[in-house]
Protein backbone atom coordinates (compact mmCIF):
# COMPACT_ATOMS: atom_id res chain seq x y z
CA VAL A 1 0.00 0.00 0.00
CA ARG A 2 1.62 3.21 -1.09
CA GLY A 3 1.11 6.56 0.56
CA THR A 4 -0.74 5.36 3.64
CA GLY A 5 1.94 6.02 6.23
CA LEU A 6 1.88 2.32 7.13
CA LYS A 7 5.46 2.37 8.44
CA ALA A 8 4.58 5.15 10.90
CA ALA A 9 1.35 3.38 11.92
CA GLU A 10 3.25 0.15 12.56
CA ALA A 11 5.86 1.99 14.60
CA ALA A 12 3.14 3.63 16.70
CA ALA A 13 1.40 0.29 17.27
CA GLN A 14 4.40 -1.96 17.81
CA GLY A 15 7.38 0.26 18.61
CA ASP A 16 10.46 0.73 16.47
CA ASN A 17 10.49 -1.61 13.50
CA SER A 18 13.00 0.29 11.36
CA ARG A 19 15.18 -2.82 11.01
CA HIS A 20 12.21 -4.63 9.46
CA TYR A 21 12.42 -2.64 6.24
CA ILE A 22 15.15 -3.48 3.75
CA THR A 23 16.27 -1.47 0.74
CA LYS A 24 14.47 -2.49 -2.42
CA ALA A 25 15.36 -1.47 -5.93
CA THR A 26 13.13 1.15 -7.53
CA SER A 27 13.11 -0.97 -10.67
CA SER A 28 14.09 -4.55 -11.28
CA PRO A 29 16.35 -5.96 -13.98
CA PRO A 30 14.50 -7.67 -16.83
CA GLY A 31 13.94 -11.31 -16.01
CA SER A 32 14.52 -10.91 -12.28
CA GLU A 33 11.33 -12.90 -11.67
CA HIS A 34 13.31 -15.92 -12.89
CA TRP A 35 16.33 -15.36 -10.62
CA SER A 36 17.22 -18.14 -8.22
CA PHE A 37 16.33 -17.58 -4.60
CA ALA A 38 20.05 -17.41 -3.77
CA LYS A 39 20.57 -14.65 -6.34
CA VAL A 40 17.70 -12.60 -4.92
CA ARG A 41 19.02 -12.98 -1.37
CA SER A 42 22.52 -11.91 -2.43
CA ALA A 43 21.41 -8.89 -4.47
CA LYS A 44 22.65 -5.52 -3.18
CA LYS A 45 19.11 -4.24 -3.50
CA THR A 46 16.26 -6.70 -3.41
CA PRO A 47 14.14 -6.47 -6.58
CA ASN A 48 10.89 -4.60 -5.98
CA TYR A 49 7.76 -6.56 -5.14
CA ASP A 50 6.08 -6.16 -8.52
CA SER A 51 8.83 -8.08 -10.33
CA PHE A 52 7.65 -11.27 -8.62
CA TRP A 53 4.05 -11.23 -9.87
CA ASN A 54 5.04 -12.70 -13.24
CA ASN A 55 6.09 -16.16 -12.03
CA THR A 56 3.70 -17.92 -9.62
CA ALA A 57 6.13 -20.50 -8.23
CA PHE A 58 8.85 -17.93 -7.74
CA CYS A 59 6.34 -15.46 -6.32
CA ARG A 60 5.33 -18.01 -3.70
CA LYS A 61 8.92 -18.75 -2.80
CA VAL A 62 10.23 -15.17 -2.75
CA VAL A 63 7.25 -13.27 -1.41
CA GLY A 64 6.29 -16.10 0.94
CA CYS A 65 9.85 -16.61 2.23
CA LEU A 66 12.09 -13.60 1.61
CA TYR A 67 9.33 -11.11 2.39
CA ARG A 68 7.66 -13.30 5.02
CA ALA A 69 8.03 -10.69 7.78
CA ASP A 70 6.58 -8.01 5.48
CA VAL A 71 3.61 -10.20 4.58
CA GLU A 72 2.94 -11.16 8.20
CA MET A 73 3.05 -7.52 9.30
CA TYR A 74 0.78 -6.48 6.42
CA VAL A 75 -1.75 -9.20 7.23
CA SER A 76 -1.64 -8.19 10.89
CA ALA A 77 -2.22 -4.54 9.98
CA CYS A 78 -5.12 -5.52 7.71
CA ARG A 79 -6.75 -7.34 10.61
CA ALA A 80 -6.22 -4.56 13.17
CA PRO A 81 -9.64 -3.69 14.67
CA ALA A 82 -8.83 0.03 14.81
CA LEU A 83 -8.18 0.12 11.06
CA GLU A 84 -11.22 -1.94 10.03
CA THR A 85 -13.40 1.16 10.20
CA CYS A 86 -11.44 2.85 7.39
CA ALA A 87 -13.07 1.84 4.09
CA ALA A 88 -10.08 2.90 1.95
CA PHE A 89 -7.70 0.86 4.09
CA ARG A 90 -10.01 -2.19 4.03
CA SER A 91 -10.32 -1.92 0.26
CA ALA A 92 -6.54 -1.72 -0.24
CA CYS A 93 -6.06 -4.71 2.05
CA GLU A 94 -8.62 -6.77 0.16
CA VAL A 95 -6.91 -6.01 -3.17
CA GLN A 96 -3.38 -6.75 -1.96
CA LEU A 97 -4.26 -9.84 0.08
CA GLY A 98 -6.30 -11.10 -2.89
CA ARG A 99 -3.25 -10.66 -5.11
CA LEU A 100 -1.09 -12.60 -2.65
CA ARG A 101 -3.65 -15.42 -2.64
CA ASP A 102 -4.42 -15.46 -6.36
CA VAL A 103 -0.97 -14.87 -7.84
CA CYS A 104 1.36 -16.35 -5.24
CA GLY A 105 -0.96 -18.94 -3.77
CA LEU A 106 -0.26 -17.71 -0.24
CA ASP A 107 -2.70 -18.53 2.53
CA VAL A 108 -3.36 -15.01 3.85
C-alpha cells in the first residue's frame, strides 16, 4: 500500500520496526522474476515486489519466504480492529491480500 503512512502506523502500534524494512530497488532488472532464490538474497538491493508477480512459483517462494516478515506484518495490519473502520484501508487490504492469494498462492 503506497502513501498510507503504514510504516509510521506500525511503529506507533508496535514500537520501532526500522530494522524490518530493507532497501528495495526502484526498478528490477528484466527477467529478475526468474532469478534463483540465492541470487535474490545476495542482491545488493532486493528487486521490488512487482517483479515477482510474473512467475507464480517464484512469487510463492520469494514473497512467501524472503518477504515473510513483510507479509505477516501487512496481514496483521489488515486485521487490526482500529483500522477496520477505514473503508479505503479495508479496500486496499482486500486487493493486496487477494493478489497474494491469487498470484502467489499464499494462505493469507
